[in-house]
Every structure is written in structure tokens, then in C-alpha cells.
Amino acid sequence: MKKIISGLFLATTTLFYAQESFTGRDDQRAYVGVNFQDGGTGISAGADYGLGESISVGVQAGYLLSAKLVGEKKAKFGDRIDIKGRFNVHLGRVLNIPSQIDLYPGLDLSLKNFGAHVGARYFFKRGVGIYSEIGFPIARYNSSPKIYDYLNNQFNFQVGVAFDLN
């Protein structure tokens, strides 16, 4: 019973104090998280800047801390790192969902591929929230990838903390 009451209290206070997740033009958000993909796990960090009511651009960098060993070869620095330019469309106002939730699909251009992503953010209170995102390549630059070419160049899942920089 204590767990149920505690859970209801937490949900109620979280919803009561939740803040707007995307405010439009000049909105600034940053995020830090964990990246999961086949063959490696790493960290990612990025920032987005609002250009209009529902559009933002940003940059994201990621580094795989652990990469599966293939034979005797280890993944090199260039295999582990990726940097992306991003374009997002924020659908909260279009879909009429609560303002503390930000649902956004987007496109990205990285060192490894041209890709797409879909993500969501939820801000508990002013300044802090959580995010989750999936990403996948649409077109790889290397048409016949070998060994570590798939790192940061395949379906991935991210989860982490988001920050309001406004």
C-alpha cells in the first residue's frame, strides 16, 4: 500500500511541476546519455537550438566506450567516435500532447552516414528532464562495410538526462 501511495504522490507532483519541453524559436536544450548498439555501448551528448515554432537544429557527439573485440583487432578511435549535425521537427503542438512532452522525428548527417532518428523528452521541472531516442542509417557512406564500420553506423538506442538551457 505504501508503494502505491508513494507512486501516486510522485506521479502527481511530477505532473504538477513539469515544465514545457520545447518552446520554439531560440529554445536551447542539451542532453547527455548512454548509447546502446550491437557490438558496443557508449556515451553521447548534444545540444539543440530552436529555429521556429516546431523546428530545431543541433549537434551530437558520441563515443563507444566498449566495442566488441573482433579477432585480434581492437576498434580504433575513428571507429568509436561519431559527430552528427541534426534537424528536428517537434510535434507536441501539432499532436496537441501535454507541453512537458516533446516528441520529435529528425534527420542527421554524421561522419558515418545520413540517418534518421525519433525521440521523446519529458521535463519534470524547470531545467531537468529525461530523453530517449532511436536512430538508424538511411544511407551509409561506405557501401561495403567491414569489421568495425558498423559501429555508430547501425540501429541504436539512447537514454539519458536532458537540460533546459534557457
Foldseek 3Di string as FASTA:
>chain_A
DVVVVVVVVVVVLLVVAWDFQDAAAQWKKKWKWWKDDPFFIWIKIKMWGHHGRFKIKIKMKIFTPGGHDDDPDDDDRVLGIKMKIKIWGWCCVVVVDDRQKTWIKIWIDMPWATKIKTKMWGGRHAFKTKMKMKMAHPGTPDPDDDDSSCHVHGIMIIIGMMTGPD
